Amino acid sequence: MSEQQQQLPFLPFALPEIGEDEIAEVVDTLRSGWVTTGPKAKRFESDFAAFLAESSGEDPAGLHCIAVNSATAGLHLALEAIGIGPGDEVITTTHTFTATAEVVRYLGADVKLVDIDPATLNIDPALIEAAITPRTKAIMPVHYAGLAADMPAILAIAKKHGLRVVEDAAHALPTTCAGRLVGTLDSDATVFSFYANKTITTGEGGMLVTRDAALAARAKVMRLHGISRDAFDRFTAKTPSWYYEIVAPGFKYNLTDIAAALGIHQLKKARAFQQRRAEIALRYNAAFADLPVVLAPEPPAGQTHAWHLYVLRLAEGAPLGRDALIERLFAQGIGCSVHYIPLHQQPYWRERYALQADHFPQSQRAYEGMLSLPLYSRMSDSDADRVITAVRGLLAG
């Protein structure tokens, strides 16, 4: 390592971009005295509906947006609202974070894991259809890394077999599929994440989106302890409004106004953030094209990739293995990660469903050679060039 490399600051795998607008909105929230779920959360929900509806030309009133404290919470609420319970099966991909699958187990249902399309790293629709049994009630596709899954095919399968569809869109703002923004497709519900490393952030947080008024009503009740009335309305009423009823054993999944204050302004920057991420991702693809790697898949023409992640896969003939490459990059002050250790490799899922690596050859092969490189809107061109120089120095022949 050169003396210059030793002096460079560590380049993390991910960093949020928080501006003065977000900071001022949070301060305003703190000064308002209303720091839990309140007017800012309602405003964020309304703004989110308008953001989605603008792309589709529809009335935002038709999109019910429900702010929650995590995408995990949103997925749980969506599955509960469509009636998933003991004895049911939900099909999803092995190549995801455990949150996608664990919410199914919260409800006493079982997960049916299937493999991915090696070209996109998204769930393979053909394998979804092959996995359907009489117990199957829903499909949960994951838009991996910010590239849309094949939703036309998945929705057609769901319609054919009478199944519900809940999209795990944790990576997918703003992603388009078949010319439509994810969140406005014909699924039953879509759930976004605003975790610290996502394309926009509220620190922790998520949004459940649906056109189904009954689903939305159920999710709103279950979001806050199963209370029959909106807590914000109860506490801001100008007349005595203390009475409420518990109509179900709900959860504690509401998003605070402090978090929503961040989201209000992050949402305004979502497209600019995506454009910067795309610039860096395509810069990487151009720079690595002659290396022994599989480049991160680009979206079809006319579609938008959110580029939450830039995932590089080592090909046969690479001079280093994945683990060694990550160690060498860390030694040069460059942070990396792996997305993901597939669920079939995790003790709980492997043991519960007797899973083996050869059941999921595409996910297993991808996992063994993949790493996620730094990709975030705050990265400068010199930051990107530093990553490029390091990777090329380690992999070029």
Protein backbone atom coordinates (compact mmCIF):
# COMPACT_ATOMS: atom_id res chain seq x y z
CA MET A 1 0.00 0.00 0.00
CA SER A 2 1.35 3.42 -0.94
CA GLU A 3 1.88 6.19 1.60
CA GLN A 4 -0.87 8.17 -0.16
CA GLN A 5 -3.35 5.28 0.26
CA GLN A 6 -2.52 5.07 3.96
CA GLN A 7 -3.31 8.76 4.38
CA LEU A 8 -6.68 8.66 2.62
CA PRO A 9 -9.73 8.59 4.89
CA PHE A 10 -11.76 5.38 5.03
CA LEU A 11 -14.38 5.29 2.27
CA PRO A 12 -17.47 3.62 3.76
CA PHE A 13 -19.75 1.28 1.91
CA ALA A 14 -22.71 3.64 2.43
CA LEU A 15 -23.43 7.11 3.81
CA PRO A 16 -26.74 9.01 3.93
CA GLU A 17 -26.96 12.46 2.36
CA ILE A 18 -28.63 14.74 4.91
CA GLY A 19 -28.98 18.41 4.01
CA GLU A 20 -29.89 21.60 5.82
CA ASP A 21 -33.54 21.23 4.78
CA GLU A 22 -33.83 17.94 6.66
CA ILE A 23 -32.02 19.35 9.68
CA ALA A 24 -34.27 22.43 9.80
CA GLU A 25 -37.41 20.27 9.53
CA VAL A 26 -36.26 18.04 12.39
CA VAL A 27 -35.51 21.11 14.53
CA ASP A 28 -38.95 22.50 13.71
CA THR A 29 -40.47 19.20 14.82
CA LEU A 30 -38.57 19.23 18.11
CA ARG A 31 -39.67 22.80 18.79
CA SER A 32 -43.29 22.00 17.92
CA GLY A 33 -43.65 19.69 20.88
CA TRP A 34 -45.10 16.94 18.66
CA VAL A 35 -42.33 14.37 18.21
CA THR A 36 -44.18 11.07 17.81
CA THR A 37 -46.65 10.25 15.01
CA GLY A 38 -48.44 13.46 14.09
CA PRO A 39 -48.69 16.13 11.40
CA LYS A 40 -45.27 15.49 9.85
CA ALA A 41 -45.98 11.78 9.45
CA LYS A 42 -49.33 12.59 7.79
CA ARG A 43 -47.61 15.09 5.50
CA PHE A 44 -44.97 12.51 4.54
CA GLU A 45 -47.68 10.00 3.69
CA SER A 46 -49.50 12.56 1.55
CA ASP A 47 -46.29 13.65 -0.19
CA PHE A 48 -45.38 10.03 -0.89
CA ALA A 49 -48.75 9.35 -2.50
CA ALA A 50 -48.33 12.47 -4.65
CA PHE A 51 -44.81 11.40 -5.66
CA LEU A 52 -46.03 8.00 -6.85
CA ALA A 53 -49.20 9.26 -8.46
CA GLU A 54 -47.40 11.95 -10.45
CA SER A 55 -45.60 9.27 -12.47
CA SER A 56 -48.78 7.39 -13.30
CA GLY A 57 -51.10 10.34 -13.79
CA GLU A 58 -53.58 8.96 -11.27
CA ASP A 59 -55.32 10.58 -8.33
CA PRO A 60 -53.05 10.33 -5.27
CA ALA A 61 -56.17 9.82 -3.16
CA GLY A 62 -56.36 6.33 -4.66
CA LEU A 63 -52.99 5.40 -3.21
CA HIS A 64 -53.07 4.69 0.51
CA CYS A 65 -49.63 5.36 2.00
CA ILE A 66 -49.06 4.19 5.57
CA ALA A 67 -45.84 5.32 7.29
CA VAL A 68 -44.27 2.70 9.55
CA ASN A 69 -41.10 2.35 11.58
CA SER A 70 -39.47 -0.16 9.23
CA ALA A 71 -40.06 -2.00 5.98
CA THR A 72 -40.17 -5.17 8.06
CA ALA A 73 -43.17 -3.71 9.90
CA GLY A 74 -44.79 -2.78 6.60
CA LEU A 75 -44.39 -6.29 5.18
CA HIS A 76 -45.80 -7.80 8.36
CA LEU A 77 -48.81 -5.47 8.27
CA ALA A 78 -49.45 -6.17 4.59
CA LEU A 79 -49.37 -9.94 5.02
CA GLU A 80 -51.56 -9.76 8.14
CA ALA A 81 -54.06 -7.56 6.32
CA ILE A 82 -54.42 -9.98 3.40
CA GLY A 83 -55.12 -12.78 5.85
CA ILE A 84 -51.90 -14.82 5.87
CA GLY A 85 -51.92 -17.22 8.82
CA PRO A 86 -51.09 -20.71 10.07
CA GLY A 87 -51.11 -23.36 7.35
CA ASP A 88 -50.49 -20.86 4.55
CA GLU A 89 -47.39 -20.63 2.35
CA VAL A 90 -45.78 -17.51 0.91
CA ILE A 91 -43.29 -17.80 -1.95
CA THR A 92 -40.23 -15.55 -1.98
CA THR A 93 -36.58 -15.67 -2.95
CA THR A 94 -33.71 -17.17 -0.99
CA HIS A 95 -31.56 -14.24 -2.14
CA THR A 96 -32.77 -11.58 0.26
CA PHE A 97 -32.37 -10.31 3.79
CA THR A 98 -34.10 -12.39 6.43
CA ALA A 99 -36.75 -9.70 7.07
CA THR A 100 -38.54 -10.66 3.85
CA ALA A 101 -39.13 -14.18 5.10
CA GLU A 102 -39.34 -13.71 8.85
CA VAL A 103 -42.58 -11.72 8.64
CA VAL A 104 -44.25 -14.81 7.21
CA ARG A 105 -43.22 -16.78 10.29
CA TYR A 106 -44.53 -14.00 12.56
CA LEU A 107 -47.97 -15.00 11.30
CA GLY A 108 -47.45 -18.74 11.73
CA ALA A 109 -47.28 -19.35 7.99
CA ASP A 110 -44.49 -21.05 6.07
CA VAL A 111 -42.03 -19.70 3.56
CA LYS A 112 -41.35 -21.38 0.24
CA LEU A 113 -37.96 -20.19 -1.02
CA VAL A 114 -37.03 -20.28 -4.70
CA ASP A 115 -33.94 -19.45 -6.72
CA ILE A 116 -33.06 -16.38 -8.77
CA ASP A 117 -32.54 -15.49 -12.41
CA PRO A 118 -28.73 -15.26 -12.73
CA ALA A 119 -28.97 -12.37 -15.19
CA THR A 120 -30.91 -10.05 -12.87
CA LEU A 121 -30.44 -11.66 -9.41
CA ASN A 122 -34.21 -11.29 -9.00
CA ILE A 123 -36.66 -14.09 -8.23
CA ASP A 124 -37.22 -16.42 -11.21
CA PRO A 125 -40.91 -16.36 -12.22
CA ALA A 126 -40.75 -19.86 -13.69
CA LEU A 127 -39.63 -21.22 -10.34
CA ILE A 128 -42.44 -19.37 -8.59
CA GLU A 129 -45.02 -21.23 -10.64
CA ALA A 130 -43.30 -24.55 -10.03
CA ALA A 131 -43.34 -23.93 -6.25
CA ILE A 132 -47.10 -23.29 -5.95
CA THR A 133 -49.01 -25.77 -3.80
CA PRO A 134 -52.59 -25.85 -2.47
CA ARG A 135 -51.27 -24.02 0.63
CA THR A 136 -49.79 -21.11 -1.35
CA LYS A 137 -51.57 -17.83 -0.66
CA ALA A 138 -49.13 -15.10 -1.73
CA ILE A 139 -45.97 -14.20 -3.61
CA MET A 140 -43.41 -11.73 -2.26
CA PRO A 141 -41.01 -10.62 -5.00
CA VAL A 142 -37.94 -8.59 -4.02
CA HIS A 143 -36.64 -5.85 -6.33
CA TYR A 144 -33.02 -6.76 -5.68
CA ALA A 145 -30.48 -3.91 -5.57
CA GLY A 146 -33.08 -1.56 -7.07
CA LEU A 147 -33.71 -3.44 -10.32
CA ALA A 148 -37.36 -4.39 -10.78
CA ALA A 149 -38.33 -8.04 -10.72
CA ASP A 150 -40.30 -9.35 -13.71
CA MET A 151 -43.59 -8.06 -12.37
CA PRO A 152 -45.70 -8.63 -15.51
CA ALA A 153 -44.84 -12.33 -15.35
CA ILE A 154 -45.29 -12.52 -11.57
CA LEU A 155 -48.64 -10.74 -11.63
CA ALA A 156 -49.83 -13.01 -14.44
CA ILE A 157 -48.90 -16.08 -12.37
CA ALA A 158 -50.70 -14.63 -9.35
CA LYS A 159 -53.85 -13.94 -11.36
CA LYS A 160 -53.80 -17.42 -12.89
CA HIS A 161 -53.59 -19.10 -9.48
CA GLY A 162 -55.64 -16.64 -7.41
CA LEU A 163 -52.68 -15.49 -5.29
CA ARG A 164 -51.97 -12.18 -3.56
CA VAL A 165 -48.80 -10.19 -4.28
CA VAL A 166 -46.86 -8.07 -1.79
CA GLU A 167 -43.77 -6.40 -3.23
CA ASP A 168 -40.66 -6.06 -1.09
CA ALA A 169 -39.51 -2.74 -2.55
CA ALA A 170 -36.97 -1.97 0.17
CA HIS A 171 -34.38 -1.26 -2.55
CA ALA A 172 -36.69 0.18 -5.16
CA LEU A 173 -37.30 3.92 -4.85
CA PRO A 174 -37.56 5.21 -7.55
CA THR A 175 -37.57 2.06 -9.72
CA THR A 176 -39.75 1.58 -12.77
CA CYS A 177 -41.10 -1.63 -14.27
CA ALA A 178 -42.78 -1.81 -17.67
CA GLY A 179 -42.91 1.99 -17.68
CA ARG A 180 -44.58 2.33 -14.28
CA LEU A 181 -43.10 3.34 -10.95
CA VAL A 182 -42.85 0.54 -8.41
CA GLY A 183 -45.58 1.35 -5.92
CA THR A 184 -48.15 1.91 -8.69
CA LEU A 185 -48.19 -1.62 -10.13
CA ASP A 186 -51.12 -4.00 -9.83
CA SER A 187 -49.96 -5.85 -6.72
CA ASP A 188 -51.92 -5.90 -3.47
CA ALA A 189 -49.30 -3.90 -1.58
CA THR A 190 -45.80 -2.50 -1.95
CA VAL A 191 -43.43 -1.81 0.93
CA PHE A 192 -40.47 0.60 0.82
CA SER A 193 -37.58 0.99 3.26
CA PHE A 194 -36.01 4.21 4.52
CA TYR A 195 -33.23 2.59 6.54
CA ALA A 196 -29.98 4.56 6.85
CA ASN A 197 -28.33 3.10 3.74
CA LYS A 198 -31.37 3.13 1.46
CA THR A 199 -31.96 5.46 -1.50
CA ILE A 200 -33.76 7.89 0.80
CA THR A 201 -33.65 7.68 4.58
CA THR A 202 -35.57 8.53 7.71
CA GLY A 203 -32.95 6.75 9.84
CA GLU A 204 -35.36 3.89 10.45
CA GLY A 205 -38.67 3.75 8.63
CA GLY A 206 -40.79 2.44 5.82
CA MET A 207 -43.97 2.97 3.81
CA LEU A 208 -46.74 0.53 2.97
CA VAL A 209 -48.57 1.48 -0.25
CA THR A 210 -51.82 -0.04 -1.49
CA ARG A 211 -54.89 0.81 -3.55
CA ASP A 212 -56.99 -1.57 -1.46
CA ALA A 213 -58.97 0.56 1.00
CA ALA A 214 -59.83 -2.41 3.22
CA LEU A 215 -56.19 -3.52 3.39
CA ALA A 216 -55.15 0.03 4.26
CA ALA A 217 -57.78 0.33 6.98
CA ARG A 218 -56.67 -2.91 8.59
CA ALA A 219 -52.98 -1.94 8.41
CA LYS A 220 -53.71 1.44 10.03
CA VAL A 221 -55.50 -0.20 12.95
CA MET A 222 -52.81 -2.84 13.43
CA ARG A 223 -50.02 -0.27 13.08
CA LEU A 224 -50.84 1.12 16.54
CA HIS A 225 -52.00 -1.50 19.04
CA GLY A 226 -55.25 -2.34 17.26
CA ILE A 227 -56.79 0.98 18.32
CA SER A 228 -60.01 1.75 16.46
CA ARG A 229 -59.24 5.47 16.13
CA ASP A 230 -56.27 7.40 14.83
CA ALA A 231 -54.19 8.35 17.88
CA PHE A 232 -53.12 11.61 16.28
CA ASP A 233 -56.76 12.67 15.90
CA ARG A 234 -57.51 11.71 19.50
CA PHE A 235 -54.70 13.80 20.91
CA THR A 236 -55.28 16.88 18.74
CA ALA A 237 -59.05 17.03 19.08
CA LYS A 238 -60.43 20.34 20.44
CA THR A 239 -63.19 18.56 22.37
CA PRO A 240 -62.90 15.65 24.83
CA SER A 241 -61.85 12.66 22.75
CA TRP A 242 -60.36 10.22 25.19
CA TYR A 243 -62.43 7.17 24.32
CA TYR A 244 -61.03 4.46 22.11
CA GLU A 245 -61.55 0.74 21.51
CA ILE A 246 -59.05 -2.07 20.97
CA VAL A 247 -60.43 -4.13 18.11
CA ALA A 248 -57.43 -6.42 17.52
CA PRO A 249 -54.11 -7.35 19.18
CA GLY A 250 -52.08 -4.87 17.16
CA PHE A 251 -48.45 -3.87 16.96
CA LYS A 252 -46.30 -0.79 17.66
CA TYR A 253 -45.24 0.11 14.15
CA ASN A 254 -45.89 3.86 13.81
CA LEU A 255 -43.32 6.28 12.34
CA THR A 256 -42.39 9.29 14.46
CA ASP A 257 -42.65 12.88 13.28
CA ILE A 258 -38.90 13.26 13.87
CA ALA A 259 -38.25 10.53 11.31
CA ALA A 260 -40.94 11.79 8.94
CA ALA A 261 -39.35 15.26 9.01
CA LEU A 262 -36.30 13.72 7.33
CA GLY A 263 -38.45 11.85 4.83
CA ILE A 264 -40.34 14.92 3.67
CA HIS A 265 -37.15 16.45 2.25
CA GLN A 266 -35.39 13.23 1.30
CA LEU A 267 -38.36 12.43 -0.95
CA LYS A 268 -37.91 15.73 -2.80
CA LYS A 269 -34.35 14.68 -3.62
CA ALA A 270 -35.10 11.06 -4.54
CA ARG A 271 -34.73 11.51 -8.28
CA ALA A 272 -31.53 13.52 -7.97
CA PHE A 273 -30.11 10.89 -5.62
CA GLN A 274 -31.01 8.17 -8.14
CA GLN A 275 -29.36 10.04 -10.98
CA ARG A 276 -26.11 10.36 -9.05
CA ARG A 277 -26.16 6.70 -8.05
CA ALA A 278 -26.77 5.72 -11.67
CA GLU A 279 -23.84 7.85 -12.83
CA ILE A 280 -21.50 6.09 -10.44
CA ALA A 281 -22.88 2.61 -11.22
CA LEU A 282 -22.47 3.09 -14.97
CA ARG A 283 -18.99 4.51 -14.37
CA TYR A 284 -18.15 1.29 -12.53
CA ASN A 285 -19.58 -0.88 -15.29
CA ALA A 286 -17.54 0.91 -17.94
CA ALA A 287 -14.35 0.70 -15.86
CA PHE A 288 -14.72 -2.99 -15.01
CA ALA A 289 -15.91 -4.25 -18.41
CA ASP A 290 -12.57 -5.90 -19.29
CA LEU A 291 -12.04 -7.56 -15.90
CA PRO A 292 -12.88 -11.20 -15.00
CA VAL A 293 -16.19 -10.17 -13.44
CA VAL A 294 -19.93 -10.19 -14.04
CA LEU A 295 -21.04 -6.57 -14.08
CA ALA A 296 -24.05 -5.29 -12.18
CA PRO A 297 -27.08 -5.77 -14.45
CA GLU A 298 -28.41 -2.61 -16.04
CA PRO A 299 -32.16 -1.98 -16.49
CA PRO A 300 -33.99 -2.57 -19.77
CA ALA A 301 -34.10 0.43 -22.10
CA GLY A 302 -36.45 3.10 -20.83
CA GLN A 303 -36.63 1.68 -17.31
CA THR A 304 -35.21 3.14 -14.09
CA HIS A 305 -32.92 1.24 -11.72
CA ALA A 306 -32.80 2.77 -8.23
CA TRP A 307 -29.20 1.55 -7.81
CA HIS A 308 -29.50 0.96 -4.08
CA LEU A 309 -26.60 -1.46 -4.47
CA TYR A 310 -23.77 -1.99 -6.92
CA VAL A 311 -23.09 -5.73 -6.87
CA LEU A 312 -20.01 -7.04 -8.66
CA ARG A 313 -19.54 -10.79 -9.19
CA LEU A 314 -16.19 -12.45 -9.72
CA ALA A 315 -15.96 -14.68 -12.77
CA GLU A 316 -13.86 -17.76 -13.37
CA GLY A 317 -10.22 -16.81 -13.74
CA ALA A 318 -10.33 -13.92 -11.28
CA PRO A 319 -6.94 -13.73 -9.50
CA LEU A 320 -8.57 -13.35 -6.08
CA GLY A 321 -11.53 -14.91 -4.34
CA ARG A 322 -14.34 -12.76 -3.01
CA ASP A 323 -13.23 -12.84 0.63
CA ALA A 324 -9.64 -11.99 -0.24
CA LEU A 325 -10.77 -9.15 -2.50
CA ILE A 326 -12.87 -7.63 0.28
CA GLU A 327 -9.94 -7.90 2.71
CA ARG A 328 -7.58 -6.20 0.23
CA LEU A 329 -10.07 -3.40 -0.43
CA PHE A 330 -10.55 -2.84 3.31
CA ALA A 331 -6.77 -2.70 3.67
CA GLN A 332 -6.86 0.17 1.15
CA GLY A 333 -9.55 1.95 3.16
CA ILE A 334 -12.52 0.97 1.00
CA GLY A 335 -15.61 -0.48 2.67
CA CYS A 336 -17.58 -3.29 1.04
CA SER A 337 -20.41 -5.63 1.96
CA VAL A 338 -22.13 -8.77 0.67
CA HIS A 339 -25.83 -8.83 -0.32
CA TYR A 340 -26.75 -11.37 0.73
CA ILE A 341 -25.75 -14.49 2.57
CA PRO A 342 -28.74 -16.36 1.11
CA LEU A 343 -31.44 -17.59 3.44
CA HIS A 344 -30.70 -21.22 2.56
CA GLN A 345 -27.27 -20.69 4.18
CA GLN A 346 -28.70 -19.34 7.43
CA PRO A 347 -29.12 -21.86 10.28
CA TYR A 348 -32.77 -21.11 11.07
CA TRP A 349 -34.05 -21.34 7.50
CA ARG A 350 -31.70 -24.17 6.51
CA GLU A 351 -32.74 -26.34 9.44
CA ARG A 352 -36.44 -25.54 9.44
CA TYR A 353 -36.93 -26.39 5.77
CA ALA A 354 -34.01 -28.86 5.26
CA LEU A 355 -32.48 -26.58 2.64
CA GLN A 356 -29.30 -27.35 0.72
CA ALA A 357 -27.09 -25.16 -1.43
CA ASP A 358 -27.71 -27.32 -4.49
CA HIS A 359 -31.42 -26.51 -4.23
CA PHE A 360 -30.52 -22.92 -5.18
CA PRO A 361 -27.58 -23.13 -7.62
CA GLN A 362 -27.94 -19.62 -9.05
CA SER A 363 -28.15 -17.85 -5.70
CA GLN A 364 -25.34 -19.99 -4.30
CA ARG A 365 -23.05 -19.30 -7.24
CA ALA A 366 -23.79 -15.58 -7.12
CA TYR A 367 -23.23 -15.43 -3.36
CA GLU A 368 -19.84 -17.12 -3.54
CA GLY A 369 -18.48 -14.50 -5.91
CA MET A 370 -20.34 -11.28 -5.07
CA LEU A 371 -19.50 -8.12 -3.22
CA SER A 372 -21.22 -4.75 -2.96
CA LEU A 373 -18.99 -1.76 -3.68
CA PRO A 374 -19.50 1.74 -2.24
CA LEU A 375 -22.42 3.48 -3.95
CA TYR A 376 -24.17 6.54 -2.55
CA SER A 377 -25.09 10.02 -3.74
CA ARG A 378 -22.47 11.77 -1.58
CA MET A 379 -19.65 10.00 -3.41
CA SER A 380 -17.45 12.30 -5.43
CA ASP A 381 -15.92 11.40 -8.78
CA SER A 382 -12.58 11.05 -7.01
CA ASP A 383 -14.18 8.62 -4.53
CA ALA A 384 -15.50 6.52 -7.41
CA ASP A 385 -12.13 6.66 -9.16
CA ARG A 386 -10.46 5.49 -5.97
CA VAL A 387 -12.71 2.41 -5.92
CA ILE A 388 -12.10 1.80 -9.62
CA THR A 389 -8.33 2.08 -9.25
CA ALA A 390 -8.31 -0.29 -6.29
CA VAL A 391 -10.51 -2.93 -7.95
CA ARG A 392 -8.60 -2.78 -11.21
CA GLY A 393 -5.30 -2.98 -9.37
CA LEU A 394 -6.41 -6.18 -7.68
CA LEU A 395 -8.20 -7.88 -10.60
CA ALA A 396 -6.56 -6.69 -13.83
CA GLY A 397 -4.21 -9.20 -15.42
